[in-house]
């Protein structure tokens, strides 16, 4: 009987800019353990594929240029997949959304082939797997969801590979919808990975990217943001739903209360945040923009006393409307009030920060 595997997902930045570190991490973890890898498209490729689907044929050359250094280093080519992509561009599909998903899903297909070959070159037996063969989708193209029951019958393919000591390299981001590839929305590889982790009853789900974990705010906007050692499934789900970029908004659903989710940085193998049942109850400030407005939400609080309009209040969050042209300033100010300024925070976190 195959032991419970670890599922490791690598984001696009990791695959493109920390490729060797990602390969070495899988090699290290797979020594004596079962591992399933889920990969995103190389950073920048999905955007180019979207342009290609919208009619910019020069994007095809840019996509080839992004992959060329990897092909040269690994001694392989992706000519077969590129020919399939060019054929796809000229095929008829039931809807425009179906066509778009068929095109944009090639990014993960390229990555899985490169990653599997990279592992083979360092002595790890691996096989690229199209998630169309293991994840059944339902819903709409562009925003599909995983049909867990239907997919349960297909993951035996992965178990057979694991039993032979092979590391499956599964494409993230999409599944099989009536014979077509349907994507789960941007960031959907997180969701693919957690769905597979649940279906395989994994020991742990590991999400590797270019940051160590989940912060109290986006550190690119708030330099003083603090890394959160651990938080609850509910907090992670709420933060993702309200705009946190570190996690797909559906990703927690398949694993909640049964599989720990670990966030880490691929370069230097730095692990920073664990998602589990317990919580440190540290507020998280997230943001997003829509066509109508900009929003800043505080997860871990349901009250806010400040200059911004409250537009929704939940059991563990409050959502605020802020002027679009003041978004950065608003995020920093709200973070200062609810995280940094002890006199303004609800509750006293001084002992907590001292422990951390």
Protein backbone atom coordinates (compact mmCIF):
# COMPACT_ATOMS: atom_id res chain seq x y z
CA UNK A 1 0.00 0.00 0.00
CA UNK A 2 1.34 3.42 -0.99
CA UNK A 3 1.96 5.76 1.96
CA UNK A 4 0.20 9.08 2.11
CA UNK A 5 2.01 11.45 -0.25
CA UNK A 6 3.16 15.02 0.12
CA UNK A 7 1.67 17.32 -2.52
CA UNK A 8 3.98 20.20 -3.49
CA UNK A 9 2.79 23.03 -5.72
CA UNK A 10 5.25 25.41 -7.40
CA UNK A 11 4.09 28.80 -8.61
CA UNK A 12 5.13 30.42 -11.87
CA UNK A 13 7.93 32.49 -10.35
CA UNK A 14 9.42 29.38 -8.75
CA UNK A 15 9.35 27.40 -11.97
CA UNK A 16 10.89 30.21 -13.99
CA UNK A 17 13.33 31.83 -11.56
CA UNK A 18 14.10 29.11 -8.98
CA UNK A 19 13.92 26.03 -11.20
CA UNK A 20 16.99 24.24 -9.82
CA UNK A 21 15.99 24.90 -6.21
CA UNK A 22 12.51 23.51 -6.95
CA UNK A 23 13.97 20.36 -8.49
CA UNK A 24 16.35 19.83 -5.57
CA UNK A 25 13.54 20.28 -3.05
CA UNK A 26 11.48 17.58 -4.76
CA UNK A 27 14.50 15.29 -4.90
CA UNK A 28 15.13 15.81 -1.19
CA UNK A 29 11.51 15.25 -0.13
CA UNK A 30 11.04 12.24 -2.43
CA UNK A 31 13.89 10.28 -0.84
CA UNK A 32 11.92 7.60 0.97
CA UNK A 33 8.61 9.46 0.60
CA UNK A 34 5.80 9.65 -1.93
CA UNK A 35 5.49 13.04 -3.64
CA UNK A 36 3.07 14.54 -6.14
CA UNK A 37 4.10 17.85 -7.76
CA UNK A 38 1.70 20.41 -9.23
CA UNK A 39 3.15 23.14 -11.45
CA UNK A 40 1.99 26.50 -12.73
CA UNK A 41 2.99 28.02 -16.06
CA UNK A 42 6.32 29.85 -16.09
CA UNK A 43 5.91 33.43 -14.87
CA UNK A 44 4.57 35.61 -17.68
CA UNK A 45 3.45 32.75 -19.94
CA UNK A 46 -0.24 32.79 -19.00
CA UNK A 47 -0.47 36.50 -19.80
CA UNK A 48 1.13 35.86 -23.20
CA UNK A 49 -1.26 32.97 -23.84
CA UNK A 50 -4.21 35.24 -23.07
CA UNK A 51 -2.87 37.73 -25.62
CA UNK A 52 -2.44 34.88 -28.08
CA UNK A 53 -6.03 33.74 -27.57
CA UNK A 54 -7.16 37.33 -28.18
CA UNK A 55 -5.45 37.39 -31.57
CA UNK A 56 -1.90 38.60 -30.91
CA UNK A 57 0.02 35.98 -32.92
CA UNK A 58 3.37 37.56 -32.03
CA UNK A 59 2.78 36.31 -28.49
CA UNK A 60 3.63 32.81 -29.75
CA UNK A 61 7.21 33.90 -30.45
CA UNK A 62 7.47 35.48 -27.00
CA UNK A 63 6.23 32.26 -25.38
CA UNK A 64 8.86 30.26 -27.26
CA UNK A 65 11.56 32.70 -26.14
CA UNK A 66 10.59 32.25 -22.49
CA UNK A 67 10.89 28.46 -22.75
CA UNK A 68 13.97 28.34 -24.98
CA UNK A 69 16.62 28.60 -22.20
CA UNK A 70 15.01 25.70 -20.33
CA UNK A 71 14.86 23.54 -23.43
CA UNK A 72 18.52 24.23 -24.20
CA UNK A 73 19.64 23.49 -20.64
CA UNK A 74 17.60 20.28 -20.41
CA UNK A 75 18.40 19.11 -23.93
CA UNK A 76 14.77 18.70 -24.96
CA UNK A 77 12.30 20.50 -27.19
CA UNK A 78 8.63 21.34 -26.89
CA UNK A 79 8.02 21.25 -30.63
CA UNK A 80 5.18 18.73 -30.34
CA UNK A 81 3.28 20.84 -27.83
CA UNK A 82 3.90 24.02 -29.81
CA UNK A 83 2.54 22.33 -32.94
CA UNK A 84 -0.52 21.30 -30.94
CA UNK A 85 -0.90 24.88 -29.72
CA UNK A 86 -0.78 26.22 -33.28
CA UNK A 87 -3.40 23.68 -34.36
CA UNK A 88 -5.57 24.69 -31.40
CA UNK A 89 -5.46 28.32 -32.54
CA UNK A 90 -7.15 27.29 -35.80
CA UNK A 91 -9.67 24.81 -34.41
CA UNK A 92 -13.36 25.42 -33.77
CA UNK A 93 -14.68 25.29 -30.21
CA UNK A 94 -18.23 25.40 -28.81
CA UNK A 95 -17.72 28.83 -27.23
CA UNK A 96 -15.15 31.61 -27.10
CA UNK A 97 -14.53 30.80 -23.41
CA UNK A 98 -13.84 27.16 -24.27
CA UNK A 99 -11.34 28.24 -26.93
CA UNK A 100 -9.62 30.63 -24.53
CA UNK A 101 -9.22 27.93 -21.87
CA UNK A 102 -7.84 25.49 -24.43
CA UNK A 103 -5.15 28.02 -25.34
CA UNK A 104 -4.21 29.33 -21.89
CA UNK A 105 -3.91 25.82 -20.42
CA UNK A 106 -0.79 25.17 -22.52
CA UNK A 107 1.41 27.06 -20.04
CA UNK A 108 1.09 24.38 -17.38
CA UNK A 109 1.54 21.66 -20.00
CA UNK A 110 4.89 23.16 -21.02
CA UNK A 111 5.95 23.43 -17.36
CA UNK A 112 5.09 19.85 -16.48
CA UNK A 113 7.23 18.48 -19.32
CA UNK A 114 10.18 20.69 -18.38
CA UNK A 115 9.90 19.86 -14.68
CA UNK A 116 9.66 16.11 -15.27
CA UNK A 117 12.73 16.17 -17.50
CA UNK A 118 14.62 18.30 -14.99
CA UNK A 119 13.94 15.72 -12.28
CA UNK A 120 15.03 12.85 -14.51
CA UNK A 121 18.34 14.59 -15.13
CA UNK A 122 19.08 14.66 -11.38
CA UNK A 123 18.11 11.04 -10.86
CA UNK A 124 14.43 11.25 -9.92
CA UNK A 125 11.99 9.18 -11.97
CA UNK A 126 9.14 11.49 -12.92
CA UNK A 127 6.29 11.67 -15.41
CA UNK A 128 4.36 14.67 -16.74
CA UNK A 129 0.61 14.25 -16.20
CA UNK A 130 -2.15 16.29 -17.85
CA UNK A 131 -4.66 17.22 -15.12
CA UNK A 132 -7.39 16.70 -17.72
CA UNK A 133 -6.78 13.01 -17.03
CA UNK A 134 -7.15 13.23 -13.24
CA UNK A 135 -9.39 16.20 -12.36
CA UNK A 136 -12.99 16.42 -13.55
CA UNK A 137 -14.37 19.94 -13.73
CA UNK A 138 -17.88 21.31 -13.58
CA UNK A 139 -19.39 24.74 -14.02
CA UNK A 140 -18.19 27.29 -16.55
CA UNK A 141 -15.05 27.73 -18.62
CA UNK A 142 -12.76 30.27 -17.02
CA UNK A 143 -14.20 29.73 -13.53
CA UNK A 144 -14.77 25.98 -13.25
CA UNK A 145 -14.58 24.02 -10.02
CA UNK A 146 -13.37 20.51 -9.24
CA UNK A 147 -15.99 17.75 -9.17
CA UNK A 148 -14.46 15.85 -6.26
CA UNK A 149 -16.60 12.72 -6.54
CA UNK A 150 -16.06 12.32 -10.28
CA UNK A 151 -12.33 13.00 -9.87
CA UNK A 152 -12.00 10.37 -7.14
CA UNK A 153 -12.27 7.66 -9.76
CA UNK A 154 -9.40 9.10 -11.79
CA UNK A 155 -6.67 9.67 -9.23
CA UNK A 156 -5.84 5.94 -9.30
CA UNK A 157 -3.53 6.95 -12.17
CA UNK A 158 -1.40 8.88 -9.69
CA UNK A 159 -1.50 6.11 -7.09
CA UNK A 160 -0.20 3.62 -9.64
CA UNK A 161 2.74 5.90 -10.46
CA UNK A 162 3.49 6.46 -6.78
CA UNK A 163 3.46 2.70 -6.17
CA UNK A 164 6.21 2.40 -8.80
CA UNK A 165 8.29 5.13 -7.17
CA UNK A 166 7.50 7.66 -9.90
CA UNK A 167 6.90 11.34 -9.06
CA UNK A 168 3.86 12.61 -11.02
CA UNK A 169 4.25 16.18 -12.29
CA UNK A 170 0.66 17.34 -12.69
CA UNK A 171 -0.45 20.43 -14.56
CA UNK A 172 -2.29 22.89 -12.34
CA UNK A 173 -4.99 25.41 -13.24
CA UNK A 174 -7.55 23.28 -15.12
CA UNK A 175 -9.54 20.07 -15.38
CA UNK A 176 -11.70 18.10 -17.81
CA UNK A 177 -15.08 19.63 -18.62
CA UNK A 178 -16.95 17.46 -21.11
CA UNK A 179 -13.75 16.57 -22.93
CA UNK A 180 -12.35 20.12 -22.97
CA UNK A 181 -9.84 21.79 -20.66
CA UNK A 182 -11.58 24.23 -18.32
CA UNK A 183 -9.56 26.57 -16.10
CA UNK A 184 -10.28 27.37 -12.45
CA UNK A 185 -9.46 31.08 -12.72
CA UNK A 186 -6.17 32.89 -12.11
CA UNK A 187 -4.20 31.27 -9.34
CA UNK A 188 -6.12 28.06 -9.95
CA UNK A 189 -3.06 25.83 -9.56
CA UNK A 190 -3.39 26.25 -5.77
CA UNK A 191 -6.91 24.87 -6.05
CA UNK A 192 -5.78 22.00 -8.31
CA UNK A 193 -3.14 21.06 -5.75
CA UNK A 194 -5.39 21.13 -2.70
CA UNK A 195 -8.04 19.12 -4.56
CA UNK A 196 -5.44 16.47 -5.38
CA UNK A 197 -4.17 16.55 -1.80
CA UNK A 198 -7.67 15.82 -0.56
CA UNK A 199 -8.33 13.09 -3.14
CA UNK A 200 -5.03 11.40 -2.27
CA UNK A 201 -5.45 11.92 1.49
CA UNK A 202 -2.06 13.63 1.55
CA UNK A 203 0.11 14.07 4.63
CA UNK A 204 0.54 17.75 3.85
CA UNK A 205 0.01 20.30 1.11
CA UNK A 206 3.01 22.55 0.41
CA UNK A 207 2.66 25.77 -1.63
CA UNK A 208 6.02 27.12 -2.83
CA UNK A 209 6.37 30.59 -4.31
CA UNK A 210 8.61 33.66 -4.26
CA UNK A 211 7.55 34.66 -0.72
CA UNK A 212 7.92 32.79 2.56
CA UNK A 213 4.27 32.72 3.52
CA UNK A 214 1.25 34.81 4.42
CA UNK A 215 1.87 38.30 5.77
CA UNK A 216 -0.28 40.76 7.69
CA UNK A 217 -0.51 42.71 4.41
CA UNK A 218 1.05 42.57 0.97
CA UNK A 219 4.75 43.26 1.78
CA UNK A 220 5.21 44.91 -1.62
CA UNK A 221 2.81 47.62 -0.47
CA UNK A 222 3.44 47.55 3.27
CA UNK A 223 7.18 47.06 3.97
CA UNK A 224 6.46 46.67 7.69
CA UNK A 225 4.08 43.73 7.14
CA UNK A 226 4.78 40.78 9.45
CA UNK A 227 5.02 37.12 8.48
CA UNK A 228 2.28 35.09 10.20
CA UNK A 229 3.61 31.78 11.60
CA UNK A 230 0.21 30.06 11.50
CA UNK A 231 -3.46 30.84 10.96
CA UNK A 232 -6.72 28.96 10.70
CA UNK A 233 -8.32 27.47 7.60
CA UNK A 234 -11.22 29.89 7.97
CA UNK A 235 -8.92 32.92 8.18
CA UNK A 236 -6.99 31.79 5.09
CA UNK A 237 -10.20 31.17 3.14
CA UNK A 238 -11.71 34.52 4.11
CA UNK A 239 -8.52 36.43 3.29
CA UNK A 240 -8.28 34.74 -0.13
CA UNK A 241 -11.93 35.46 -0.89
CA UNK A 242 -11.48 39.12 -0.01
CA UNK A 243 -8.40 39.67 -2.16
CA UNK A 244 -5.26 38.04 -0.70
CA UNK A 245 -3.03 37.05 -3.63
CA UNK A 246 -1.13 34.26 -1.84
CA UNK A 247 -3.93 31.72 -2.29
CA UNK A 248 -6.75 30.92 -4.71
CA UNK A 249 -10.09 31.70 -3.09
CA UNK A 250 -11.35 28.12 -3.42
CA UNK A 251 -8.12 26.41 -2.40
CA UNK A 252 -8.91 25.82 1.28
CA UNK A 253 -12.26 24.10 0.69
CA UNK A 254 -10.93 20.62 -0.28
CA UNK A 255 -8.47 20.32 2.63
CA UNK A 256 -10.12 22.17 5.51
CA UNK A 257 -9.70 20.56 8.94
CA UNK A 258 -7.86 17.52 7.62
CA UNK A 259 -4.65 18.42 5.75
CA UNK A 260 -2.15 21.08 6.90
CA UNK A 261 -1.13 23.63 4.27
CA UNK A 262 2.45 24.91 4.43
CA UNK A 263 3.64 28.03 2.61
CA UNK A 264 7.28 28.46 1.68
CA UNK A 265 9.75 30.30 -0.53
CA UNK A 266 11.42 28.10 -3.14
CA UNK A 267 14.71 29.97 -3.14
CA UNK A 268 16.66 28.93 -0.02
CA UNK A 269 13.75 26.64 1.01
CA UNK A 270 12.34 29.01 3.61
CA UNK A 271 9.01 27.94 5.14
CA UNK A 272 6.98 30.64 6.83
CA UNK A 273 3.27 29.93 7.37
CA UNK A 274 1.21 26.92 8.39
CA UNK A 275 -2.56 26.80 7.82
CA UNK A 276 -4.25 24.57 10.40
CA UNK A 277 -7.18 24.42 12.83
CA UNK A 278 -5.64 26.83 15.36
CA UNK A 279 -5.00 30.53 14.99
CA UNK A 280 -2.77 33.22 16.46
CA UNK A 281 -5.62 35.67 15.82
CA UNK A 282 -3.38 38.17 14.09
CA UNK A 283 -5.30 40.61 11.82
CA UNK A 284 -4.65 40.39 8.08
CA UNK A 285 -5.17 43.41 5.81
CA UNK A 286 -6.02 42.52 2.21
CA UNK A 287 -7.11 44.60 -0.75
CA UNK A 288 -8.58 44.40 -4.23
CA UNK A 289 -9.99 46.67 -6.90
CA UNK A 290 -13.10 46.34 -9.02
CA UNK A 291 -14.35 48.52 -11.86
CA UNK A 292 -16.45 50.47 -9.38
CA UNK A 293 -14.19 50.84 -6.37
CA UNK A 294 -11.20 49.83 -4.28
CA UNK A 295 -11.68 47.72 -1.17
CA UNK A 296 -9.57 47.01 1.89
CA UNK A 297 -10.63 44.22 4.24
CA UNK A 298 -9.47 43.30 7.71
CA UNK A 299 -9.60 39.59 8.47
CA UNK A 300 -9.65 38.78 12.17
CA UNK A 301 -11.75 41.76 13.20
CA UNK A 302 -15.39 42.71 12.68
CA UNK A 303 -15.15 46.34 13.76
CA UNK A 304 -13.23 49.31 12.43
CA UNK A 305 -13.10 52.88 13.68
CA UNK A 306 -11.59 55.13 11.05
CA UNK A 307 -12.25 57.38 8.06
CA UNK A 308 -13.38 54.67 5.61
CA UNK A 309 -16.90 53.43 4.88
CA UNK A 310 -17.79 49.93 6.10
CA UNK A 311 -19.56 48.07 3.28
CA UNK A 312 -19.76 44.60 4.84
CA UNK A 313 -19.22 43.12 8.26
CA UNK A 314 -18.86 39.39 8.89
CA UNK A 315 -18.16 37.24 11.90
CA UNK A 316 -14.39 37.44 11.36
CA UNK A 317 -13.90 40.30 8.90
CA UNK A 318 -14.84 43.84 7.99
CA UNK A 319 -14.77 45.17 4.42
CA UNK A 320 -14.11 48.85 3.69
CA UNK A 321 -14.49 51.07 0.63
CA UNK A 322 -11.56 53.37 -0.10
CA UNK A 323 -10.86 55.85 -2.93
CA UNK A 324 -9.09 54.12 -5.82
CA UNK A 325 -6.43 56.80 -6.05
CA UNK A 326 -5.67 56.41 -2.33
CA UNK A 327 -5.50 52.61 -2.18
CA UNK A 328 -1.82 52.28 -1.28
CA UNK A 329 -2.02 54.96 1.38
CA UNK A 330 -5.22 53.42 2.77
CA UNK A 331 -3.72 49.92 3.00
CA UNK A 332 -0.69 51.28 4.87
CA UNK A 333 -2.81 53.41 7.20
CA UNK A 334 -5.23 50.60 8.03
CA UNK A 335 -2.34 48.19 8.60
CA UNK A 336 -0.77 50.69 10.97
CA UNK A 337 -4.02 51.01 12.90
CA UNK A 338 -4.93 47.33 13.22
CA UNK A 339 -1.52 45.65 13.29
CA UNK A 340 1.26 48.06 14.18
CA UNK A 341 -0.25 50.58 16.56
CA UNK A 342 -0.91 48.76 19.82
CA UNK A 343 -3.04 51.59 21.17
CA UNK A 344 -5.41 51.36 18.19
CA UNK A 345 -5.61 47.59 17.77
CA UNK A 346 -8.59 45.68 19.16
CA UNK A 347 -7.09 43.59 21.95
CA UNK A 348 -3.51 43.55 23.19
CA UNK A 349 -1.01 41.71 20.98
CA UNK A 350 2.20 42.78 22.69
CA UNK A 351 2.78 39.40 24.34
CA UNK A 352 1.95 37.63 21.07
CA UNK A 353 4.54 39.58 19.05
CA UNK A 354 7.08 38.94 21.79
CA UNK A 355 6.49 35.19 21.50
CA UNK A 356 6.83 35.29 17.72
